[in-house]
C-alpha atoms as a PDB file:
ATOM      1  CA  MET A   1      41.596  15.332  19.959  1.00  0.00           C
ATOM      2  CA  ARG A   2      41.253  13.596  16.603  1.00  0.00           C
ATOM      3  CA  PHE A   3      38.891  11.058  18.099  1.00  0.00           C
ATOM      4  CA  LEU A   4      36.861  13.811  19.765  1.00  0.00           C
ATOM      5  CA  GLY A   5      36.554  15.671  16.471  1.00  0.00           C
ATOM      6  CA  PHE A   6      35.576  12.472  14.665  1.00  0.00           C
ATOM      7  CA  LEU A   7      32.967  11.697  17.324  1.00  0.00           C
ATOM      8  CA  THR A   8      31.576  15.227  17.119  1.00  0.00           C
ATOM      9  CA  ARG A   9      31.255  15.027  13.338  1.00  0.00           C
ATOM     10  CA  ARG A  10      29.502  11.678  13.647  1.00  0.00           C
ATOM     11  CA  ILE A  11      27.012  12.988  16.184  1.00  0.00           C
ATOM     12  CA  VAL A  12      26.304  16.084  14.112  1.00  0.00           C
ATOM     13  CA  GLY A  13      25.886  13.937  10.996  1.00  0.00           C
ATOM     14  CA  ILE A  14      23.465  11.573  12.732  1.00  0.00           C
ATOM     15  CA  ALA A  15      21.467  14.510  14.088  1.00  0.00           C
ATOM     16  CA  ALA A  16      21.295  16.083  10.628  1.00  0.00           C
ATOM     17  CA  VAL A  17      20.090  12.808   9.111  1.00  0.00           C
ATOM     18  CA  MET A  18      17.415  12.404  11.778  1.00  0.00           C
ATOM     19  CA  VAL A  19      16.186  15.960  11.257  1.00  0.00           C
ATOM     20  CA  GLY A  20      16.138  15.421   7.494  1.00  0.00           C
ATOM     21  CA  VAL A  21      14.190  12.170   7.813  1.00  0.00           C
ATOM     22  CA  SER A  22      11.670  13.785  10.165  1.00  0.00           C
ATOM     23  CA  ILE A  23      11.147  16.676   7.738  1.00  0.00           C
ATOM     24  CA  ILE A  24      10.692  14.306   4.791  1.00  0.00           C
ATOM     25  CA  THR A  25       8.203  12.046   6.587  1.00  0.00           C
ATOM     26  CA  PHE A  26       6.277  15.077   7.874  1.00  0.00           C
ATOM     27  CA  ALA A  27       6.210  16.621   4.395  1.00  0.00           C
ATOM     28  CA  ILE A  28       5.052  13.375   2.761  1.00  0.00           C
ATOM     29  CA  SER A  29       2.093  13.158   5.134  1.00  0.00           C
ATOM     30  CA  HIS A  30       1.045  16.667   4.103  1.00  0.00           C
ATOM     31  CA  VAL A  31       1.561  16.516   0.329  1.00  0.00           C
ATOM     32  CA  ILE A  32      -0.670  13.467  -0.128  1.00  0.00           C
ATOM     33  CA  PRO A  33      -3.740  14.760  -1.998  1.00  0.00           C
ATOM     34  CA  ALA A  34      -6.228  12.694   0.020  1.00  0.00           C
ATOM     35  CA  ASP A  35      -7.933  14.512   2.889  1.00  0.00           C
ATOM     36  CA  PRO A  36      -7.236  12.622   6.155  1.00  0.00           C
ATOM     37  CA  VAL A  37     -10.425  14.001   7.707  1.00  0.00           C
ATOM     38  CA  ALA A  38     -12.591  12.658   4.881  1.00  0.00           C
ATOM     39  CA  ALA A  39     -10.728   9.340   4.941  1.00  0.00           C
ATOM     40  CA  ALA A  40     -11.294   8.922   8.672  1.00  0.00           C
ATOM     41  CA  LEU A  41     -14.797  10.350   9.145  1.00  0.00           C
ATOM     42  CA  GLY A  42     -16.380   9.871   5.738  1.00  0.00           C
ATOM     43  CA  ASP A  43     -18.323  12.319   3.621  1.00  0.00           C
ATOM     44  CA  HIS A  44     -21.245  12.669   6.027  1.00  0.00           C
ATOM     45  CA  ALA A  45     -19.348  13.998   9.051  1.00  0.00           C
ATOM     46  CA  THR A  46     -20.749  17.083  10.738  1.00  0.00           C
ATOM     47  CA  ASP A  47     -18.832  20.320  11.136  1.00  0.00           C
ATOM     48  CA  GLN A  48     -18.452  19.649  14.850  1.00  0.00           C
ATOM     49  CA  GLN A  49     -16.946  16.205  14.193  1.00  0.00           C
ATOM     50  CA  ILE A  50     -14.548  17.638  11.623  1.00  0.00           C
ATOM     51  CA  ALA A  51     -13.453  20.405  14.002  1.00  0.00           C
ATOM     52  CA  ALA A  52     -12.941  17.930  16.852  1.00  0.00           C
ATOM     53  CA  PHE A  53     -10.931  15.627  14.603  1.00  0.00           C
ATOM     54  CA  ARG A  54      -8.689  18.452  13.381  1.00  0.00           C
ATOM     55  CA  ALA A  55      -8.101  19.591  16.953  1.00  0.00           C
ATOM     56  CA  GLU A  56      -7.288  16.045  18.123  1.00  0.00           C
ATOM     57  CA  TYR A  57      -4.651  15.565  15.421  1.00  0.00           C
ATOM     58  CA  HIS A  58      -3.425  19.195  15.544  1.00  0.00           C
ATOM     59  CA  LEU A  59      -4.465  19.745  11.932  1.00  0.00           C
ATOM     60  CA  ASP A  60      -5.867  23.153  12.843  1.00  0.00           C
ATOM     61  CA  ARG A  61      -2.412  24.447  13.823  1.00  0.00           C
ATOM     62  CA  PRO A  62       0.143  26.165  11.552  1.00  0.00           C
ATOM     63  CA  LEU A  63       2.562  23.793   9.813  1.00  0.00           C
ATOM     64  CA  PRO A  64       5.623  24.809  11.891  1.00  0.00           C
ATOM     65  CA  GLU A  65       3.674  24.128  15.084  1.00  0.00           C
ATOM     66  CA  GLN A  66       2.456  20.794  13.714  1.00  0.00           C
ATOM     67  CA  TYR A  67       6.037  19.815  12.900  1.00  0.00           C
ATOM     68  CA  LEU A  68       7.254  20.846  16.351  1.00  0.00           C
ATOM     69  CA  THR A  69       4.501  18.795  17.988  1.00  0.00           C
ATOM     70  CA  TYR A  70       5.456  15.857  15.769  1.00  0.00           C
ATOM     71  CA  VAL A  71       9.164  16.067  16.680  1.00  0.00           C
ATOM     72  CA  VAL A  72       8.499  16.486  20.404  1.00  0.00           C
ATOM     73  CA  GLY A  73       6.223  13.452  20.303  1.00  0.00           C
ATOM     74  CA  LEU A  74       8.905  11.398  18.537  1.00  0.00           C
ATOM     75  CA  ALA A  75      11.468  12.427  21.140  1.00  0.00           C
ATOM     76  CA  HIS A  76       9.154  11.084  23.862  1.00  0.00           C
ATOM     77  CA  GLY A  77       8.339   7.885  21.970  1.00  0.00           C
ATOM     78  CA  ASP A  78       4.867   9.103  21.041  1.00  0.00           C
ATOM     79  CA  LEU A  79       4.179   8.243  17.400  1.00  0.00           C
ATOM     80  CA  GLY A  80       0.677   9.684  17.526  1.00  0.00           C
ATOM     81  CA  ARG A  81      -2.649   7.975  16.901  1.00  0.00           C
ATOM     82  CA  SER A  82      -3.618   6.073  13.793  1.00  0.00           C
ATOM     83  CA  ILE A  83      -6.345   7.696  11.719  1.00  0.00           C
ATOM     84  CA  ARG A  84      -7.583   4.278  10.618  1.00  0.00           C
ATOM     85  CA  THR A  85      -7.678   2.387  13.935  1.00  0.00           C
ATOM     86  CA  ARG A  86      -7.805   5.423  16.290  1.00  0.00           C
ATOM     87  CA  ARG A  87      -5.263   3.612  18.467  1.00  0.00           C
ATOM     88  CA  PRO A  88      -1.703   4.710  19.337  1.00  0.00           C
ATOM     89  CA  VAL A  89       0.591   3.970  16.414  1.00  0.00           C
ATOM     90  CA  ALA A  90       3.085   2.318  18.783  1.00  0.00           C
ATOM     91  CA  ASP A  91       0.405  -0.197  19.832  1.00  0.00           C
ATOM     92  CA  ASP A  92      -0.426  -0.993  16.206  1.00  0.00           C
ATOM     93  CA  LEU A  93       3.271  -1.489  15.443  1.00  0.00           C
ATOM     94  CA  PHE A  94       3.660  -3.734  18.484  1.00  0.00           C
ATOM     95  CA  ASP A  95       0.685  -5.850  17.409  1.00  0.00           C
ATOM     96  CA  SER A  96       2.176  -6.206  13.919  1.00  0.00           C
ATOM     97  CA  PHE A  97       5.675  -7.053  15.157  1.00  0.00           C
ATOM     98  CA  PRO A  98       5.186 -10.869  15.233  1.00  0.00           C
ATOM     99  CA  ALA A  99       3.950 -10.803  11.627  1.00  0.00           C
ATOM    100  CA  THR A 100       7.027  -8.788  10.649  1.00  0.00           C
ATOM    101  CA  ILE A 101       9.328 -11.286  12.359  1.00  0.00           C
ATOM    102  CA  GLU A 102       7.555 -14.214  10.701  1.00  0.00           C
ATOM    103  CA  LEU A 103       7.820 -12.649   7.253  1.00  0.00           C
ATOM    104  CA  SER A 104      11.478 -11.711   7.769  1.00  0.00           C
ATOM    105  CA  LEU A 105      12.371 -15.246   8.853  1.00  0.00           C
ATOM    106  CA  ALA A 106      10.507 -16.726   5.891  1.00  0.00           C
ATOM    107  CA  ALA A 107      12.297 -14.377   3.484  1.00  0.00           C
ATOM    108  CA  LEU A 108      15.656 -15.258   5.062  1.00  0.00           C
ATOM    109  CA  ILE A 109      14.963 -18.979   4.691  1.00  0.00           C
ATOM    110  CA  VAL A 110      14.064 -18.467   1.026  1.00  0.00           C
ATOM    111  CA  ALA A 111      17.233 -16.447   0.449  1.00  0.00           C
ATOM    112  CA  ILE A 112      19.478 -19.086   2.042  1.00  0.00           C
ATOM    113  CA  LEU A 113      17.813 -22.130   0.467  1.00  0.00           C
ATOM    114  CA  VAL A 114      17.841 -20.577  -3.016  1.00  0.00           C
ATOM    115  CA  GLY A 115      20.802 -18.192  -2.959  1.00  0.00           C
ATOM    116  CA  ILE A 116      23.544 -20.584  -1.821  1.00  0.00           C
ATOM    117  CA  PRO A 117      22.713 -23.447  -4.245  1.00  0.00           C
ATOM    118  CA  ALA A 118      22.267 -20.922  -7.065  1.00  0.00           C
ATOM    119  CA  GLY A 119      25.680 -19.406  -6.353  1.00  0.00           C
ATOM    120  CA  VAL A 120      27.357 -22.819  -6.238  1.00  0.00           C
ATOM    121  CA  TRP A 121      25.615 -23.914  -9.438  1.00  0.00           C
ATOM    122  CA  SER A 122      26.687 -20.706 -11.155  1.00  0.00           C
ATOM    123  CA  ALA A 123      30.318 -21.119 -10.076  1.00  0.00           C
ATOM    124  CA  ILE A 124      30.705 -24.726 -11.193  1.00  0.00           C
ATOM    125  CA  SER A 125      28.974 -23.870 -14.491  1.00  0.00           C
ATOM    126  CA  ARG A 126      31.054 -20.771 -15.172  1.00  0.00           C
ATOM    127  CA  GLY A 127      30.589 -19.430 -18.682  1.00  0.00           C
ATOM    128  CA  ARG A 128      27.698 -21.765 -19.465  1.00  0.00           C
ATOM    129  CA  LEU A 129      23.939 -21.258 -19.556  1.00  0.00           C
ATOM    130  CA  PRO A 130      23.265 -21.895 -15.817  1.00  0.00           C
ATOM    131  CA  ASP A 131      25.894 -19.317 -14.923  1.00  0.00           C
ATOM    132  CA  HIS A 132      24.341 -16.741 -17.237  1.00  0.00           C
ATOM    133  CA  LEU A 133      20.848 -17.422 -15.869  1.00  0.00           C
ATOM    134  CA  VAL A 134      21.937 -16.991 -12.250  1.00  0.00           C
ATOM    135  CA  ARG A 135      23.913 -13.841 -13.026  1.00  0.00           C
ATOM    136  CA  VAL A 136      21.002 -12.267 -14.901  1.00  0.00           C
ATOM    137  CA  GLY A 137      18.597 -13.240 -12.124  1.00  0.00           C
ATOM    138  CA  SER A 138      20.955 -11.759  -9.520  1.00  0.00           C
ATOM    139  CA  LEU A 139      21.284  -8.562 -11.522  1.00  0.00           C
ATOM    140  CA  ILE A 140      17.509  -8.201 -11.758  1.00  0.00           C
ATOM    141  CA  GLY A 141      17.062  -9.015  -8.069  1.00  0.00           C
ATOM    142  CA  GLY A 142      19.558  -6.360  -7.067  1.00  0.00           C
ATOM    143  CA  SER A 143      18.055  -3.630  -9.213  1.00  0.00           C
ATOM    144  CA  ILE A 144      14.275  -4.108  -9.245  1.00  0.00           C
ATOM    145  CA  PRO A 145      12.382  -2.188  -6.512  1.00  0.00           C
ATOM    146  CA  VAL A 146      10.770  -4.540  -4.020  1.00  0.00           C
ATOM    147  CA  PHE A 147       7.441  -2.688  -4.026  1.00  0.00           C
ATOM    148  CA  TRP A 148       7.242  -2.917  -7.826  1.00  0.00           C
ATOM    149  CA  LEU A 149       8.089  -6.616  -7.764  1.00  0.00           C
ATOM    150  CA  GLY A 150       5.377  -7.083  -5.158  1.00  0.00           C
ATOM    151  CA  LEU A 151       2.794  -5.459  -7.427  1.00  0.00           C
ATOM    152  CA  ILE A 152       3.812  -7.745 -10.301  1.00  0.00           C
ATOM    153  CA  VAL A 153       3.681 -10.864  -8.122  1.00  0.00           C
ATOM    154  CA  ILE A 154       0.275  -9.934  -6.676  1.00  0.00           C
ATOM    155  CA  GLY A 155      -1.133  -9.120 -10.110  1.00  0.00           C
ATOM    156  CA  LEU A 156       0.106 -12.351 -11.682  1.00  0.00           C
ATOM    157  CA  PHE A 157      -0.240 -15.025  -9.016  1.00  0.00           C
ATOM    158  CA  TYR A 158      -3.256 -13.618  -7.155  1.00  0.00           C
ATOM    159  CA  TYR A 159      -5.414 -11.626  -9.577  1.00  0.00           C
ATOM    160  CA  GLN A 160      -4.631 -13.445 -12.824  1.00  0.00           C
ATOM    161  CA  LEU A 161      -3.841 -17.044 -11.840  1.00  0.00           C
ATOM    162  CA  GLY A 162      -5.402 -17.220  -8.376  1.00  0.00           C
ATOM    163  CA  TRP A 163      -2.699 -19.569  -7.110  1.00  0.00           C
ATOM    164  CA  PHE A 164      -2.038 -17.800  -3.822  1.00  0.00           C
ATOM    165  CA  PRO A 165      -3.964 -15.476  -1.490  1.00  0.00           C
ATOM    166  CA  GLY A 166      -3.212 -11.804  -1.798  1.00  0.00           C
ATOM    167  CA  GLY A 167      -3.426 -10.392   1.718  1.00  0.00           C
ATOM    168  CA  ALA A 168      -3.743 -10.910   5.474  1.00  0.00           C
ATOM    169  CA  ARG A 169      -1.989 -13.693   7.380  1.00  0.00           C
ATOM    170  CA  ILE A 170      -4.682 -16.361   7.265  1.00  0.00           C
ATOM    171  CA  ASP A 171      -7.971 -16.993   5.464  1.00  0.00           C
ATOM    172  CA  ASN A 172     -11.072 -15.316   6.875  1.00  0.00           C
ATOM    173  CA  PHE A 173     -12.852 -18.646   7.264  1.00  0.00           C
ATOM    174  CA  VAL A 174      -9.946 -20.217   9.204  1.00  0.00           C
ATOM    175  CA  ALA A 175      -9.646 -19.613  12.936  1.00  0.00           C
ATOM    176  CA  PRO A 176      -6.216 -18.304  13.959  1.00  0.00           C
ATOM    177  CA  PRO A 177      -4.248 -20.696  16.172  1.00  0.00           C
ATOM    178  CA  PRO A 178      -3.935 -20.007  19.915  1.00  0.00           C
ATOM    179  CA  SER A 179      -1.285 -17.314  20.276  1.00  0.00           C
ATOM    180  CA  ARG A 180       1.893 -18.488  21.980  1.00  0.00           C
ATOM    181  CA  THR A 181       4.650 -16.909  19.921  1.00  0.00           C
ATOM    182  CA  GLY A 182       2.598 -14.630  17.669  1.00  0.00           C
ATOM    183  CA  LEU A 183       3.982 -16.479  14.637  1.00  0.00           C
ATOM    184  CA  PHE A 184       1.042 -18.166  12.929  1.00  0.00           C
ATOM    185  CA  VAL A 185       3.129 -20.950  11.376  1.00  0.00           C
ATOM    186  CA  VAL A 186       4.788 -21.862  14.679  1.00  0.00           C
ATOM    187  CA  ASP A 187       1.565 -21.521  16.663  1.00  0.00           C
ATOM    188  CA  SER A 188      -0.260 -23.741  14.144  1.00  0.00           C
ATOM    189  CA  LEU A 189       2.423 -26.410  14.532  1.00  0.00           C
ATOM    190  CA  LEU A 190       2.287 -26.207  18.318  1.00  0.00           C
ATOM    191  CA  ALA A 191      -1.506 -26.502  18.239  1.00  0.00           C
ATOM    192  CA  GLY A 192      -1.449 -29.291  15.646  1.00  0.00           C
ATOM    193  CA  ASP A 193      -3.842 -27.272  13.483  1.00  0.00           C
ATOM    194  CA  LEU A 194      -3.010 -28.370   9.937  1.00  0.00           C
ATOM    195  CA  VAL A 195      -5.734 -26.220   8.367  1.00  0.00           C
ATOM    196  CA  ALA A 196      -4.346 -23.048   9.941  1.00  0.00           C
ATOM    197  CA  LEU A 197      -0.802 -24.163   9.081  1.00  0.00           C
ATOM    198  CA  ARG A 198      -1.641 -24.616   5.408  1.00  0.00           C
ATOM    199  CA  SER A 199      -3.463 -21.297   5.246  1.00  0.00           C
ATOM    200  CA  SER A 200      -0.696 -19.333   6.987  1.00  0.00           C
ATOM    201  CA  LEU A 201       1.985 -20.916   4.782  1.00  0.00           C
ATOM    202  CA  LEU A 202       0.073 -20.057   1.605  1.00  0.00           C
ATOM    203  CA  HIS A 203      -0.287 -16.463   2.785  1.00  0.00           C
ATOM    204  CA  LEU A 204       3.481 -16.314   3.376  1.00  0.00           C
ATOM    205  CA  VAL A 205       4.561 -17.520  -0.056  1.00  0.00           C
ATOM    206  CA  LEU A 206       4.194 -14.349  -2.134  1.00  0.00           C
ATOM    207  CA  PRO A 207       5.478 -11.877   0.509  1.00  0.00           C
ATOM    208  CA  ALA A 208       8.428 -14.127   1.401  1.00  0.00           C
ATOM    209  CA  LEU A 209       9.438 -14.627  -2.234  1.00  0.00           C
ATOM    210  CA  THR A 210       9.128 -10.908  -2.930  1.00  0.00           C
ATOM    211  CA  LEU A 211      11.060  -9.798   0.138  1.00  0.00           C
ATOM    212  CA  GLY A 212      13.631 -12.579  -0.185  1.00  0.00           C
ATOM    213  CA  TYR A 213      14.449 -12.006  -3.859  1.00  0.00           C
ATOM    214  CA  PHE A 214      16.914  -9.181  -3.173  1.00  0.00           C
ATOM    215  CA  SER A 215      18.703 -11.154  -0.439  1.00  0.00           C
ATOM    216  CA  THR A 216      18.739 -14.213  -2.687  1.00  0.00           C
ATOM    217  CA  ALA A 217      20.480 -12.196  -5.398  1.00  0.00           C
ATOM    218  CA  VAL A 218      23.091 -10.883  -2.955  1.00  0.00           C
ATOM    219  CA  ILE A 219      23.783 -14.309  -1.446  1.00  0.00           C
ATOM    220  CA  ALA A 220      24.031 -15.908  -4.904  1.00  0.00           C
ATOM    221  CA  ARG A 221      26.578 -13.325  -6.060  1.00  0.00           C
ATOM    222  CA  MET A 222      28.651 -13.672  -2.887  1.00  0.00           C
ATOM    223  CA  THR A 223      28.554 -17.476  -3.030  1.00  0.00           C
ATOM    224  CA  ARG A 224      29.562 -17.491  -6.698  1.00  0.00           C
ATOM    225  CA  SER A 225      32.466 -15.138  -6.044  1.00  0.00           C
ATOM    226  CA  SER A 226      33.696 -17.192  -3.076  1.00  0.00           C
ATOM    227  CA  MET A 227      33.355 -20.457  -4.987  1.00  0.00           C
ATOM    228  CA  LEU A 228      35.288 -19.134  -7.968  1.00  0.00           C
ATOM    229  CA  GLU A 229      38.035 -17.902  -5.653  1.00  0.00           C
ATOM    230  CA  VAL A 230      38.299 -21.310  -3.989  1.00  0.00           C
ATOM    231  CA  LEU A 231      38.162 -23.195  -7.289  1.00  0.00           C
ATOM    232  CA  GLY A 232      41.056 -21.065  -8.545  1.00  0.00           C
ATOM    233  CA  GLN A 233      43.365 -21.997  -5.669  1.00  0.00           C
ATOM    234  CA  ASP A 234      46.459 -24.088  -6.389  1.00  0.00           C
ATOM    235  CA  TYR A 235      45.328 -27.041  -4.295  1.00  0.00           C
ATOM    236  CA  MET A 236      42.043 -27.222  -6.211  1.00  0.00           C
ATOM    237  CA  ARG A 237      43.813 -27.202  -9.564  1.00  0.00           C
ATOM    238  CA  THR A 238      46.149 -29.908  -8.262  1.00  0.00           C
ATOM    239  CA  ALA A 239      43.205 -32.010  -7.055  1.00  0.00           C
ATOM    240  CA  ARG A 240      41.484 -31.728 -10.434  1.00  0.00           C
ATOM    241  CA  ALA A 241      44.692 -32.672 -12.236  1.00  0.00           C
END
């Protein structure tokens, strides 16, 4: 009976969270001051085009009915149609999935390659300048919002210094590699296209560093804590003696 009650509370809690998230996302899409009709059709759209657009996206219905249509669509896996591309949102997400995987893997590699050595360096330099630098960097990485860090990185390294590209996955003048995995870096290697490889790597640098900073901070803190625990063991003190 206890387990059944626990399971019931969990299910009710999950349902409440899902309803809350759906209400928040629906509300956000309606409190944005920009007019979706003007954004999609432009300022020179006719009244007939505007009416057809509002009917297609159910914008001519009352808000409760719009929300109900939205929830029913979500329950059936229908995320609606994108105003920008006029394609199903699910198709746009599917097309962007390889880029998401590539960016996530790049951020993970950055976090591992930087976070573990930083944590070890901090532990063996406990109380000294390297330790303080790593701890401050980890504190900043764990507290700064990723989107705000991304704006800073874009503004500094793209707009001001021009060291790295600021958007897309590859330069406009570079042909994308033949798609085998959907990951531009891997596909460029498989095709032996060094120009596309260089371009795709440069486009990954800023997003990977931005996304990986938080994970780097977490890994560095965990590594430092584990190292200090090991260094404080009796056998380590005996070995140093």
